[in-house]
Each structure stands twice: as structure tokens, then as C-alpha cells.
Amino acid sequence: MVGTGNFGLYEGAYFVGRQELLGWLNGLLKTSYTKVEQCGNGAAYCQVLDALYQDSSVPMRKVNFDAKLEHEMVKNFKIMQAVLDKKGVDKLIPVERLVRMKYQDNLEFLQWCKRFYETQAASGMEETYDASGRRGGRGPTSTGAAPSSQAATAAKGAPRAGRRAGDSSQRTASAGTQDGAKRKPVAGRRAAPASAPSGQVAALTARLEESEKQNSDMKVTVSYLEKERDFYFQKLRRIEILCQTTEGMADSPFTKQVLGILWREEEDPIEEDDGQAPNPDTDIAPSL
């Protein structure tokens, strides 16, 4: 199965949102990823290729799902790049950007992975793929996955511990019965359970309802902000692609300034304007 790894700007590959990407990834790999940044160690990307080819071309036993250090993550991406090269896929993985675990970089690469999988996978491949078995139970496994060997060992010892606990409780109950038979109950010793004043209960209930309302409002606000962030990021991504692919613009000073702004890290200092007007011959991009 050979295919190109290049997708045009208007094919829709780079206009898929975070929630849709995570839903697709977790559904395919039977995982429980909650952030696209978690894919930055390369393990999930490797298994996407394993789910696509299903021919043992991806050595899953060498993929480190617990990679946290940069050199461990780089090894995972080397495995993925070797598979792409072997399959004749023209795609260079931006390893240095992905291992920084930044949102934008991994969102873009996960968008590419989803598009590449959908254009290459045959119908019904997801149903035949044993995701949890291929990675040996490693990674952020979703609910219902097979238990690990440690959990299985603990389960084997549980009945024996239960029998010991049962024998002990029976002896305790027997001793308590004998002691209770010797002592006579004294009237008036048992006190009624204390109850909170009705006014205090009403106040706590009102506070709980107010907290729930505030929590609901915050969720709506967060969801809106995430959508707005993704919306503007996609616009910036389109500008970046246009600057890189439009003939006559790639090497212009204006394009380099635009790309410099787009690629600037949060910690990088922002250059102050020197007060000079732009040169129309060198600083203005050609009309599209």
C-alpha cells in the first residue's frame, strides 16, 4: 500500500478539530487520550501506521508508550519514519517540533495522520485490528481493556485473602456473641442520631446548586474558547501554507517576516518596530 503523504490546502485535512481528532484516535487505538499534546512522544502515531498496514512492518514491541525523555521520543519517531520510507511515503516527520509536546504542532501532525489513514485504509480494517493486543496493554488504555499481569496476580490471591478475612470475622462475631450474652442491656443508653438543623441544610443545598451552576457556566465558556482558538489557528495555518506554496512568495522578505511571526515561540522576545515604512519592492508580497 503506497501513497503520497502530501495533501492540498483545500482537501480538508487541516480543518479537523481537536475533539474529532481525539475521538477518531481513541476509537481506532482503543485508548483514552485527552489532549493532542500527549501524542508528542510518537507512540500513538506509530500505532496509527500499525493499524493502517497490519503487516508487522511496525515493530510495536520497540515502541515506547511511556517515553518521557526527548531521546526516548526520538526513537519512536525514527521507527515511524523508517516505516514511511519503506512504504514509499513522501513525508518528513517534524520530530524536533513534535517532541516539544506543543498543541499546534501535534494538532497539525495528527490531522495529517487521520487524513493519511482515511485515504489509504481499506474498508473494515478498524474492526479487524486488535489495538490493545498489538501494544501489549501499554499506553492510556480505555475502559474495558485486558488487565495487566500484576492485576491478574492480585486477583488470584484475592480468594485466599478473603477466606482468611472470613475466618477472622467469624471468630470475632462468635466472641462478641458470648460477651453479649454475659452483659445485660441497660435501658436509655442508646442515643438518637444527631441531625443537622434544617436551616443549615437549606444553606448548604443553596451553595451546592450555585456551585453547580457556576461549573456549568465555566464549561460552556471553556468550550467556546477552545472552538475560537481552533478557528483562529486554522486561519493562521492557511496563511502559513499559502506563504510556503505560492509561487514567487516563498523567498520574499515579506513572507519571511510573516513566517517569523507565525513560528515565534511564546518565550521569544517580540522585536520592536523600527519606525521605518515598508519597502514596496521588498516587503510587500505579490498579489495572489
C-alpha atoms as a PDB file:
ATOM      1  CA  MET A   1       0.000   0.000   0.000  1.00  0.00           C
ATOM      2  CA  VAL A   2       1.831   3.076  -1.297  1.00  0.00           C
ATOM      3  CA  GLY A   3       0.535   6.627  -1.180  1.00  0.00           C
ATOM      4  CA  THR A   4       1.706  10.196  -1.128  1.00  0.00           C
ATOM      5  CA  GLY A   5       1.915  11.994   2.174  1.00  0.00           C
ATOM      6  CA  ASN A   6       1.212  15.440   0.730  1.00  0.00           C
ATOM      7  CA  PHE A   7      -2.283  16.912   0.958  1.00  0.00           C
ATOM      8  CA  GLY A   8      -3.506  20.140  -0.584  1.00  0.00           C
ATOM      9  CA  LEU A   9      -4.717  23.092   1.426  1.00  0.00           C
ATOM     10  CA  TYR A  10      -8.354  22.653   0.444  1.00  0.00           C
ATOM     11  CA  GLU A  11      -8.673  18.883   0.866  1.00  0.00           C
ATOM     12  CA  GLY A  12      -9.918  19.333   4.426  1.00  0.00           C
ATOM     13  CA  ALA A  13      -7.003  17.579   6.129  1.00  0.00           C
ATOM     14  CA  TYR A  14      -6.083  20.624   8.217  1.00  0.00           C
ATOM     15  CA  PHE A  15      -9.591  21.680   9.184  1.00  0.00           C
ATOM     16  CA  VAL A  16     -10.422  18.900  11.656  1.00  0.00           C
ATOM     17  CA  GLY A  17     -10.997  19.970  15.268  1.00  0.00           C
ATOM     18  CA  ARG A  18      -9.344  18.656  18.426  1.00  0.00           C
ATOM     19  CA  GLN A  19     -12.357  16.765  19.731  1.00  0.00           C
ATOM     20  CA  GLU A  20     -12.962  14.999  16.430  1.00  0.00           C
ATOM     21  CA  LEU A  21      -9.282  14.025  16.221  1.00  0.00           C
ATOM     22  CA  LEU A  22      -9.193  12.602  19.741  1.00  0.00           C
ATOM     23  CA  GLY A  23     -12.452  10.737  19.159  1.00  0.00           C
ATOM     24  CA  TRP A  24     -11.064   9.156  15.997  1.00  0.00           C
ATOM     25  CA  LEU A  25      -7.725   8.284  17.616  1.00  0.00           C
ATOM     26  CA  ASN A  26      -9.252   6.744  20.752  1.00  0.00           C
ATOM     27  CA  GLY A  27     -11.781   4.820  18.682  1.00  0.00           C
ATOM     28  CA  LEU A  28      -9.087   3.398  16.401  1.00  0.00           C
ATOM     29  CA  LEU A  29      -6.494   2.558  19.074  1.00  0.00           C
ATOM     30  CA  LYS A  30      -8.875   1.830  21.997  1.00  0.00           C
ATOM     31  CA  THR A  31      -7.090   4.456  24.075  1.00  0.00           C
ATOM     32  CA  SER A  32      -8.118   7.300  26.361  1.00  0.00           C
ATOM     33  CA  TYR A  33      -6.067  10.272  25.163  1.00  0.00           C
ATOM     34  CA  THR A  34      -7.477  13.594  26.413  1.00  0.00           C
ATOM     35  CA  LYS A  35      -5.003  16.013  24.805  1.00  0.00           C
ATOM     36  CA  VAL A  36      -3.342  16.048  21.408  1.00  0.00           C
ATOM     37  CA  GLU A  37      -0.104  17.033  23.153  1.00  0.00           C
ATOM     38  CA  GLN A  38       0.036  13.510  24.626  1.00  0.00           C
ATOM     39  CA  CYS A  39       0.773  12.197  21.141  1.00  0.00           C
ATOM     40  CA  GLY A  40       4.064  14.095  21.152  1.00  0.00           C
ATOM     41  CA  ASN A  41       6.062  11.083  22.353  1.00  0.00           C
ATOM     42  CA  GLY A  42       5.373   9.396  18.997  1.00  0.00           C
ATOM     43  CA  ALA A  43       3.855   6.141  20.280  1.00  0.00           C
ATOM     44  CA  ALA A  44       0.291   6.860  19.126  1.00  0.00           C
ATOM     45  CA  TYR A  45       1.497   7.945  15.682  1.00  0.00           C
ATOM     46  CA  CYS A  46       3.421   4.671  15.321  1.00  0.00           C
ATOM     47  CA  GLN A  47       0.335   2.637  16.181  1.00  0.00           C
ATOM     48  CA  VAL A  48      -1.768   4.533  13.648  1.00  0.00           C
ATOM     49  CA  LEU A  49       0.593   3.197  10.973  1.00  0.00           C
ATOM     50  CA  ASP A  50       0.393  -0.263  12.543  1.00  0.00           C
ATOM     51  CA  ALA A  51      -3.410  -0.093  12.344  1.00  0.00           C
ATOM     52  CA  LEU A  52      -3.154   1.000   8.715  1.00  0.00           C
ATOM     53  CA  TYR A  53      -0.720  -1.597   7.371  1.00  0.00           C
ATOM     54  CA  GLN A  54      -1.367  -4.527   9.771  1.00  0.00           C
ATOM     55  CA  ASP A  55       1.580  -6.425   8.298  1.00  0.00           C
ATOM     56  CA  SER A  56       4.107  -6.286  11.154  1.00  0.00           C
ATOM     57  CA  SER A  57       6.059  -3.556   9.366  1.00  0.00           C
ATOM     58  CA  VAL A  58       5.844  -1.509  12.572  1.00  0.00           C
ATOM     59  CA  PRO A  59       7.845  -3.233  15.352  1.00  0.00           C
ATOM     60  CA  MET A  60       5.351  -2.449  18.121  1.00  0.00           C
ATOM     61  CA  ARG A  61       7.487  -4.175  20.772  1.00  0.00           C
ATOM     62  CA  LYS A  62      10.121  -1.466  20.208  1.00  0.00           C
ATOM     63  CA  VAL A  63       7.640   1.410  20.519  1.00  0.00           C
ATOM     64  CA  ASN A  64       7.927   3.060  23.929  1.00  0.00           C
ATOM     65  CA  PHE A  65       4.472   4.186  25.109  1.00  0.00           C
ATOM     66  CA  ASP A  66       5.961   5.502  28.366  1.00  0.00           C
ATOM     67  CA  ALA A  67       8.545   7.722  26.654  1.00  0.00           C
ATOM     68  CA  LYS A  68       9.026  10.950  28.595  1.00  0.00           C
ATOM     69  CA  LEU A  69      12.588  11.974  27.738  1.00  0.00           C
ATOM     70  CA  GLU A  70      13.434  13.504  24.389  1.00  0.00           C
ATOM     71  CA  HIS A  71      15.797  10.735  23.272  1.00  0.00           C
ATOM     72  CA  GLU A  72      13.091   8.153  24.043  1.00  0.00           C
ATOM     73  CA  MET A  73      10.553  10.064  21.951  1.00  0.00           C
ATOM     74  CA  VAL A  74      13.027  10.460  19.076  1.00  0.00           C
ATOM     75  CA  LYS A  75      13.431   6.662  18.910  1.00  0.00           C
ATOM     76  CA  ASN A  76       9.671   6.299  18.395  1.00  0.00           C
ATOM     77  CA  PHE A  77       9.709   8.821  15.554  1.00  0.00           C
ATOM     78  CA  LYS A  78      12.697   7.061  13.961  1.00  0.00           C
ATOM     79  CA  ILE A  79      10.610   3.882  13.874  1.00  0.00           C
ATOM     80  CA  MET A  80       7.731   5.755  12.231  1.00  0.00           C
ATOM     81  CA  GLN A  81       9.979   7.472   9.683  1.00  0.00           C
ATOM     82  CA  ALA A  82      11.582   4.148   8.759  1.00  0.00           C
ATOM     83  CA  VAL A  83       8.141   2.640   8.086  1.00  0.00           C
ATOM     84  CA  LEU A  84       7.085   5.595   5.915  1.00  0.00           C
ATOM     85  CA  ASP A  85      10.323   5.382   3.927  1.00  0.00           C
ATOM     86  CA  LYS A  86       9.917   1.634   3.486  1.00  0.00           C
ATOM     87  CA  LYS A  87       6.364   2.097   2.206  1.00  0.00           C
ATOM     88  CA  GLY A  88       7.447   4.819  -0.213  1.00  0.00           C
ATOM     89  CA  VAL A  89       5.514   7.609   1.521  1.00  0.00           C
ATOM     90  CA  ASP A  90       6.930  11.057   0.797  1.00  0.00           C
ATOM     91  CA  LYS A  91       6.603  12.554   4.283  1.00  0.00           C
ATOM     92  CA  LEU A  92       9.292  14.028   6.517  1.00  0.00           C
ATOM     93  CA  ILE A  93       8.287  13.955  10.176  1.00  0.00           C
ATOM     94  CA  PRO A  94       8.982  17.257  12.024  1.00  0.00           C
ATOM     95  CA  VAL A  95      10.493  15.464  15.016  1.00  0.00           C
ATOM     96  CA  GLU A  96      12.084  18.497  16.661  1.00  0.00           C
ATOM     97  CA  ARG A  97       8.728  20.303  16.771  1.00  0.00           C
ATOM     98  CA  LEU A  98       6.628  17.341  17.868  1.00  0.00           C
ATOM     99  CA  VAL A  99       8.794  16.275  20.820  1.00  0.00           C
ATOM    100  CA  ARG A 100       8.261  19.696  22.396  1.00  0.00           C
ATOM    101  CA  MET A 101       4.711  18.468  23.149  1.00  0.00           C
ATOM    102  CA  LYS A 102       3.141  21.720  21.899  1.00  0.00           C
ATOM    103  CA  TYR A 103      -0.533  21.815  20.962  1.00  0.00           C
ATOM    104  CA  GLN A 104      -0.293  23.365  17.492  1.00  0.00           C
ATOM    105  CA  ASP A 105       2.462  21.096  16.203  1.00  0.00           C
ATOM    106  CA  ASN A 106       0.823  17.868  17.325  1.00  0.00           C
ATOM    107  CA  LEU A 107      -2.638  19.004  16.223  1.00  0.00           C
ATOM    108  CA  GLU A 108      -1.337  19.558  12.706  1.00  0.00           C
ATOM    109  CA  PHE A 109       0.501  16.232  12.567  1.00  0.00           C
ATOM    110  CA  LEU A 110      -2.464  14.322  13.987  1.00  0.00           C
ATOM    111  CA  GLN A 111      -4.611  15.931  11.286  1.00  0.00           C
ATOM    112  CA  TRP A 112      -2.171  14.603   8.696  1.00  0.00           C
ATOM    113  CA  CYS A 113      -2.216  11.110  10.270  1.00  0.00           C
ATOM    114  CA  LYS A 114      -6.014  10.987  10.190  1.00  0.00           C
ATOM    115  CA  ARG A 115      -6.168  12.115   6.579  1.00  0.00           C
ATOM    116  CA  PHE A 116      -3.431   9.716   5.505  1.00  0.00           C
ATOM    117  CA  TYR A 117      -5.125   6.790   7.261  1.00  0.00           C
ATOM    118  CA  GLU A 118      -8.510   7.562   5.716  1.00  0.00           C
ATOM    119  CA  THR A 119      -7.082   7.799   2.185  1.00  0.00           C
ATOM    120  CA  GLN A 120      -5.094   4.557   2.472  1.00  0.00           C
ATOM    121  CA  ALA A 121      -7.092   2.219   4.744  1.00  0.00           C
ATOM    122  CA  ALA A 122      -9.326  -0.431   3.240  1.00  0.00           C
ATOM    123  CA  SER A 123     -12.927  -0.785   4.361  1.00  0.00           C
ATOM    124  CA  GLY A 124     -13.406  -2.724   7.613  1.00  0.00           C
ATOM    125  CA  MET A 125      -9.775  -2.543   8.763  1.00  0.00           C
ATOM    126  CA  GLU A 126     -10.704  -0.958  12.102  1.00  0.00           C
ATOM    127  CA  GLU A 127     -12.911  -3.927  13.042  1.00  0.00           C
ATOM    128  CA  THR A 128     -10.133  -6.460  12.431  1.00  0.00           C
ATOM    129  CA  TYR A 129      -7.404  -4.566  14.290  1.00  0.00           C
ATOM    130  CA  ASP A 130      -6.585  -5.678  17.861  1.00  0.00           C
ATOM    131  CA  ALA A 131      -5.248  -2.359  19.154  1.00  0.00           C
ATOM    132  CA  SER A 132      -4.763  -3.313  22.805  1.00  0.00           C
ATOM    133  CA  GLY A 133      -3.184  -6.644  21.937  1.00  0.00           C
ATOM    134  CA  ARG A 134      -0.724  -5.110  19.470  1.00  0.00           C
ATOM    135  CA  ARG A 135       0.693  -2.732  22.080  1.00  0.00           C
ATOM    136  CA  GLY A 136       0.603  -5.323  24.862  1.00  0.00           C
ATOM    137  CA  GLY A 137      -1.747  -3.387  27.130  1.00  0.00           C
ATOM    138  CA  ARG A 138       0.592  -0.389  27.264  1.00  0.00           C
ATOM    139  CA  GLY A 139      -0.394   3.242  26.855  1.00  0.00           C
ATOM    140  CA  PRO A 140      -3.511   5.104  28.068  1.00  0.00           C
ATOM    141  CA  THR A 141      -5.852   2.150  27.624  1.00  0.00           C
ATOM    142  CA  SER A 142      -9.586   2.793  27.502  1.00  0.00           C
ATOM    143  CA  THR A 143     -12.118   1.190  29.861  1.00  0.00           C
ATOM    144  CA  GLY A 144     -12.662  -2.494  29.243  1.00  0.00           C
ATOM    145  CA  ALA A 145      -9.117  -3.366  28.191  1.00  0.00           C
ATOM    146  CA  ALA A 146      -7.455  -6.573  29.308  1.00  0.00           C
ATOM    147  CA  PRO A 147      -5.966  -6.434  32.826  1.00  0.00           C
ATOM    148  CA  SER A 148      -2.223  -6.333  33.284  1.00  0.00           C
ATOM    149  CA  SER A 149      -0.161  -9.202  34.677  1.00  0.00           C
ATOM    150  CA  GLN A 150       0.125  -7.501  38.064  1.00  0.00           C
ATOM    151  CA  ALA A 151      -3.634  -7.093  38.287  1.00  0.00           C
ATOM    152  CA  ALA A 152      -4.126 -10.738  37.332  1.00  0.00           C
ATOM    153  CA  THR A 153      -1.690 -11.870  40.034  1.00  0.00           C
ATOM    154  CA  ALA A 154      -3.503  -9.787  42.625  1.00  0.00           C
ATOM    155  CA  ALA A 155      -6.822 -11.273  41.533  1.00  0.00           C
ATOM    156  CA  LYS A 156      -5.508 -14.818  42.024  1.00  0.00           C
ATOM    157  CA  GLY A 157      -4.542 -14.054  45.606  1.00  0.00           C
ATOM    158  CA  ALA A 158      -7.840 -12.353  46.414  1.00  0.00           C
ATOM    159  CA  PRO A 159      -9.915 -15.533  47.237  1.00  0.00           C
ATOM    160  CA  ARG A 160      -7.261 -16.785  49.674  1.00  0.00           C
ATOM    161  CA  ALA A 161      -7.144 -13.420  51.431  1.00  0.00           C
ATOM    162  CA  GLY A 162     -10.941 -13.375  51.502  1.00  0.00           C
ATOM    163  CA  ARG A 163     -11.060 -16.769  53.229  1.00  0.00           C
ATOM    164  CA  ARG A 164      -8.607 -15.576  55.885  1.00  0.00           C
ATOM    165  CA  ALA A 165     -10.655 -12.431  56.428  1.00  0.00           C
ATOM    166  CA  GLY A 166     -13.859 -14.501  56.625  1.00  0.00           C
ATOM    167  CA  ASP A 167     -12.423 -16.875  59.230  1.00  0.00           C
ATOM    168  CA  SER A 168     -11.242 -13.936  61.320  1.00  0.00           C
ATOM    169  CA  SER A 169     -14.636 -12.197  61.147  1.00  0.00           C
ATOM    170  CA  GLN A 170     -16.407 -15.412  62.163  1.00  0.00           C
ATOM    171  CA  ARG A 171     -14.168 -15.772  65.237  1.00  0.00           C
ATOM    172  CA  THR A 172     -14.747 -12.117  66.145  1.00  0.00           C
ATOM    173  CA  ALA A 173     -18.507 -12.466  65.768  1.00  0.00           C
ATOM    174  CA  SER A 174     -18.536 -15.620  67.905  1.00  0.00           C
ATOM    175  CA  ALA A 175     -16.561 -13.926  70.666  1.00  0.00           C
ATOM    176  CA  GLY A 176     -18.867 -10.918  70.556  1.00  0.00           C
ATOM    177  CA  THR A 177     -21.940 -13.119  70.914  1.00  0.00           C
ATOM    178  CA  GLN A 178     -20.544 -14.782  74.000  1.00  0.00           C
ATOM    179  CA  ASP A 179     -19.631 -11.433  75.588  1.00  0.00           C
ATOM    180  CA  GLY A 180     -23.050 -10.049  74.746  1.00  0.00           C
ATOM    181  CA  ALA A 181     -24.766 -12.952  76.465  1.00  0.00           C
ATOM    182  CA  LYS A 182     -22.976 -12.162  79.743  1.00  0.00           C
ATOM    183  CA  ARG A 183     -23.882  -8.460  79.688  1.00  0.00           C
ATOM    184  CA  LYS A 184     -27.430  -7.231  80.111  1.00  0.00           C
ATOM    185  CA  PRO A 185     -28.588  -4.225  78.116  1.00  0.00           C
ATOM    186  CA  VAL A 186     -29.111  -1.028  80.066  1.00  0.00           C
ATOM    187  CA  ALA A 187     -32.201   0.993  79.188  1.00  0.00           C
ATOM    188  CA  GLY A 188     -31.709   4.532  77.956  1.00  0.00           C
ATOM    189  CA  ARG A 189     -28.089   4.025  76.854  1.00  0.00           C
ATOM    190  CA  ARG A 190     -28.776   4.216  73.107  1.00  0.00           C
ATOM    191  CA  ALA A 191     -28.785   7.819  71.880  1.00  0.00           C
ATOM    192  CA  ALA A 192     -30.723   9.049  68.890  1.00  0.00           C
ATOM    193  CA  PRO A 193     -28.597  10.026  65.887  1.00  0.00           C
ATOM    194  CA  ALA A 194     -27.860  13.745  65.667  1.00  0.00           C
ATOM    195  CA  SER A 195     -29.438  15.675  62.843  1.00  0.00           C
ATOM    196  CA  ALA A 196     -28.319  18.948  61.314  1.00  0.00           C
ATOM    197  CA  PRO A 197     -30.612  21.973  61.684  1.00  0.00           C
ATOM    198  CA  SER A 198     -32.941  22.447  58.733  1.00  0.00           C
ATOM    199  CA  GLY A 199     -31.633  25.986  58.154  1.00  0.00           C
ATOM    200  CA  GLN A 200     -28.053  24.741  57.785  1.00  0.00           C
ATOM    201  CA  VAL A 201     -29.137  22.032  55.322  1.00  0.00           C
ATOM    202  CA  ALA A 202     -31.006  24.596  53.234  1.00  0.00           C
ATOM    203  CA  ALA A 203     -27.966  26.880  53.152  1.00  0.00           C
ATOM    204  CA  LEU A 204     -25.637  24.061  52.081  1.00  0.00           C
ATOM    205  CA  THR A 205     -28.111  22.982  49.397  1.00  0.00           C
ATOM    206  CA  ALA A 206     -28.263  26.525  48.019  1.00  0.00           C
ATOM    207  CA  ARG A 207     -24.466  26.752  47.936  1.00  0.00           C
ATOM    208  CA  LEU A 208     -24.242  23.412  46.140  1.00  0.00           C
ATOM    209  CA  GLU A 209     -26.743  24.497  43.500  1.00  0.00           C
ATOM    210  CA  GLU A 210     -24.860  27.767  42.984  1.00  0.00           C
ATOM    211  CA  SER A 211     -21.552  25.900  42.607  1.00  0.00           C
ATOM    212  CA  GLU A 212     -23.069  23.534  40.066  1.00  0.00           C
ATOM    213  CA  LYS A 213     -24.434  26.477  38.072  1.00  0.00           C
ATOM    214  CA  GLN A 214     -21.025  28.191  38.081  1.00  0.00           C
ATOM    215  CA  ASN A 215     -19.346  24.964  36.998  1.00  0.00           C
ATOM    216  CA  SER A 216     -21.811  24.570  34.139  1.00  0.00           C
ATOM    217  CA  ASP A 217     -21.222  28.167  33.012  1.00  0.00           C
ATOM    218  CA  MET A 218     -17.448  27.652  33.119  1.00  0.00           C
ATOM    219  CA  LYS A 219     -17.720  24.534  30.952  1.00  0.00           C
ATOM    220  CA  VAL A 220     -19.682  26.469  28.346  1.00  0.00           C
ATOM    221  CA  THR A 221     -17.102  29.261  28.399  1.00  0.00           C
ATOM    222  CA  VAL A 222     -14.177  26.846  28.064  1.00  0.00           C
ATOM    223  CA  SER A 223     -15.857  25.052  25.166  1.00  0.00           C
ATOM    224  CA  TYR A 224     -16.434  28.360  23.391  1.00  0.00           C
ATOM    225  CA  LEU A 225     -12.841  29.489  23.916  1.00  0.00           C
ATOM    226  CA  GLU A 226     -11.487  26.175  22.599  1.00  0.00           C
ATOM    227  CA  LYS A 227     -13.590  26.487  19.454  1.00  0.00           C
ATOM    228  CA  GLU A 228     -12.479  30.079  18.972  1.00  0.00           C
ATOM    229  CA  ARG A 229      -8.828  29.103  19.461  1.00  0.00           C
ATOM    230  CA  ASP A 230      -9.070  26.298  16.918  1.00  0.00           C
ATOM    231  CA  PHE A 231     -10.861  28.603  14.477  1.00  0.00           C
ATOM    232  CA  TYR A 232      -8.129  31.251  14.506  1.00  0.00           C
ATOM    233  CA  PHE A 233      -5.353  28.656  14.474  1.00  0.00           C
ATOM    234  CA  GLN A 234      -6.757  27.187  11.272  1.00  0.00           C
ATOM    235  CA  LYS A 235      -6.765  30.654   9.699  1.00  0.00           C
ATOM    236  CA  LEU A 236      -3.119  31.149  10.655  1.00  0.00           C
ATOM    237  CA  ARG A 237      -2.323  27.704   9.288  1.00  0.00           C
ATOM    238  CA  ARG A 238      -3.868  28.633   5.926  1.00  0.00           C
ATOM    239  CA  ILE A 239      -1.740  31.782   5.819  1.00  0.00           C
ATOM    240  CA  GLU A 240       1.360  29.703   6.574  1.00  0.00           C
ATOM    241  CA  ILE A 241       0.612  27.227   3.785  1.00  0.00           C
ATOM    242  CA  LEU A 242      -0.094  29.989   1.286  1.00  0.00           C
ATOM    243  CA  CYS A 243       3.225  31.645   2.122  1.00  0.00           C
ATOM    244  CA  GLN A 244       5.087  28.373   1.639  1.00  0.00           C
ATOM    245  CA  THR A 245       3.375  27.139  -1.515  1.00  0.00           C
ATOM    246  CA  THR A 246       2.503  30.235  -3.587  1.00  0.00           C
ATOM    247  CA  GLU A 247       4.956  30.740  -6.416  1.00  0.00           C
ATOM    248  CA  GLY A 248       7.086  33.850  -6.015  1.00  0.00           C
ATOM    249  CA  MET A 249       6.319  34.313  -2.311  1.00  0.00           C
ATOM    250  CA  ALA A 250       8.397  31.673  -0.560  1.00  0.00           C
ATOM    251  CA  ASP A 251      11.685  33.594  -0.617  1.00  0.00           C
ATOM    252  CA  SER A 252      10.398  37.163  -0.307  1.00  0.00           C
ATOM    253  CA  PRO A 253      11.364  39.245   2.766  1.00  0.00           C
ATOM    254  CA  PHE A 254       7.705  39.889   3.484  1.00  0.00           C
ATOM    255  CA  THR A 255       6.926  36.162   3.586  1.00  0.00           C
ATOM    256  CA  LYS A 256       9.875  35.540   5.859  1.00  0.00           C
ATOM    257  CA  GLN A 257       8.614  38.205   8.245  1.00  0.00           C
ATOM    258  CA  VAL A 258       5.145  36.653   8.289  1.00  0.00           C
ATOM    259  CA  LEU A 259       6.504  33.155   8.891  1.00  0.00           C
ATOM    260  CA  GLY A 260       8.787  34.528  11.592  1.00  0.00           C
ATOM    261  CA  ILE A 261       5.749  35.876  13.427  1.00  0.00           C
ATOM    262  CA  LEU A 262       3.813  32.612  12.998  1.00  0.00           C
ATOM    263  CA  TRP A 263       6.701  30.473  14.213  1.00  0.00           C
ATOM    264  CA  ARG A 264       7.770  32.680  17.117  1.00  0.00           C
ATOM    265  CA  GLU A 265       7.729  30.862  20.451  1.00  0.00           C
ATOM    266  CA  GLU A 266       5.931  32.319  23.474  1.00  0.00           C
ATOM    267  CA  GLU A 267       9.221  32.926  25.256  1.00  0.00           C
ATOM    268  CA  ASP A 268      10.875  34.621  22.235  1.00  0.00           C
ATOM    269  CA  PRO A 269      11.154  38.435  22.559  1.00  0.00           C
ATOM    270  CA  ILE A 270       8.996  40.470  20.220  1.00  0.00           C
ATOM    271  CA  GLU A 271      11.028  42.777  18.014  1.00  0.00           C
ATOM    272  CA  GLU A 272      10.012  46.398  18.259  1.00  0.00           C
ATOM    273  CA  ASP A 273       9.039  48.321  15.141  1.00  0.00           C
ATOM    274  CA  ASP A 274      11.975  50.417  13.883  1.00  0.00           C
ATOM    275  CA  GLY A 275       9.582  53.107  12.682  1.00  0.00           C
ATOM    276  CA  GLN A 276      10.525  52.740   9.002  1.00  0.00           C
ATOM    277  CA  ALA A 277       7.871  52.358   6.354  1.00  0.00           C
ATOM    278  CA  PRO A 278       7.847  49.080   4.401  1.00  0.00           C
ATOM    279  CA  ASN A 279       9.677  48.949   1.104  1.00  0.00           C
ATOM    280  CA  PRO A 280       7.100  48.123  -1.617  1.00  0.00           C
ATOM    281  CA  ASP A 281       9.778  46.404  -3.708  1.00  0.00           C
ATOM    282  CA  THR A 282      10.955  44.023  -0.994  1.00  0.00           C
ATOM    283  CA  ASP A 283       8.494  43.987   1.900  1.00  0.00           C
ATOM    284  CA  ILE A 284       5.132  43.698   0.129  1.00  0.00           C
ATOM    285  CA  ALA A 285       4.010  40.290  -1.054  1.00  0.00           C
ATOM    286  CA  PRO A 286       2.979  39.875  -4.679  1.00  0.00           C
ATOM    287  CA  SER A 287      -0.756  39.891  -5.357  1.00  0.00           C
ATOM    288  CA  LEU A 288      -2.404  36.464  -5.425  1.00  0.00           C
END
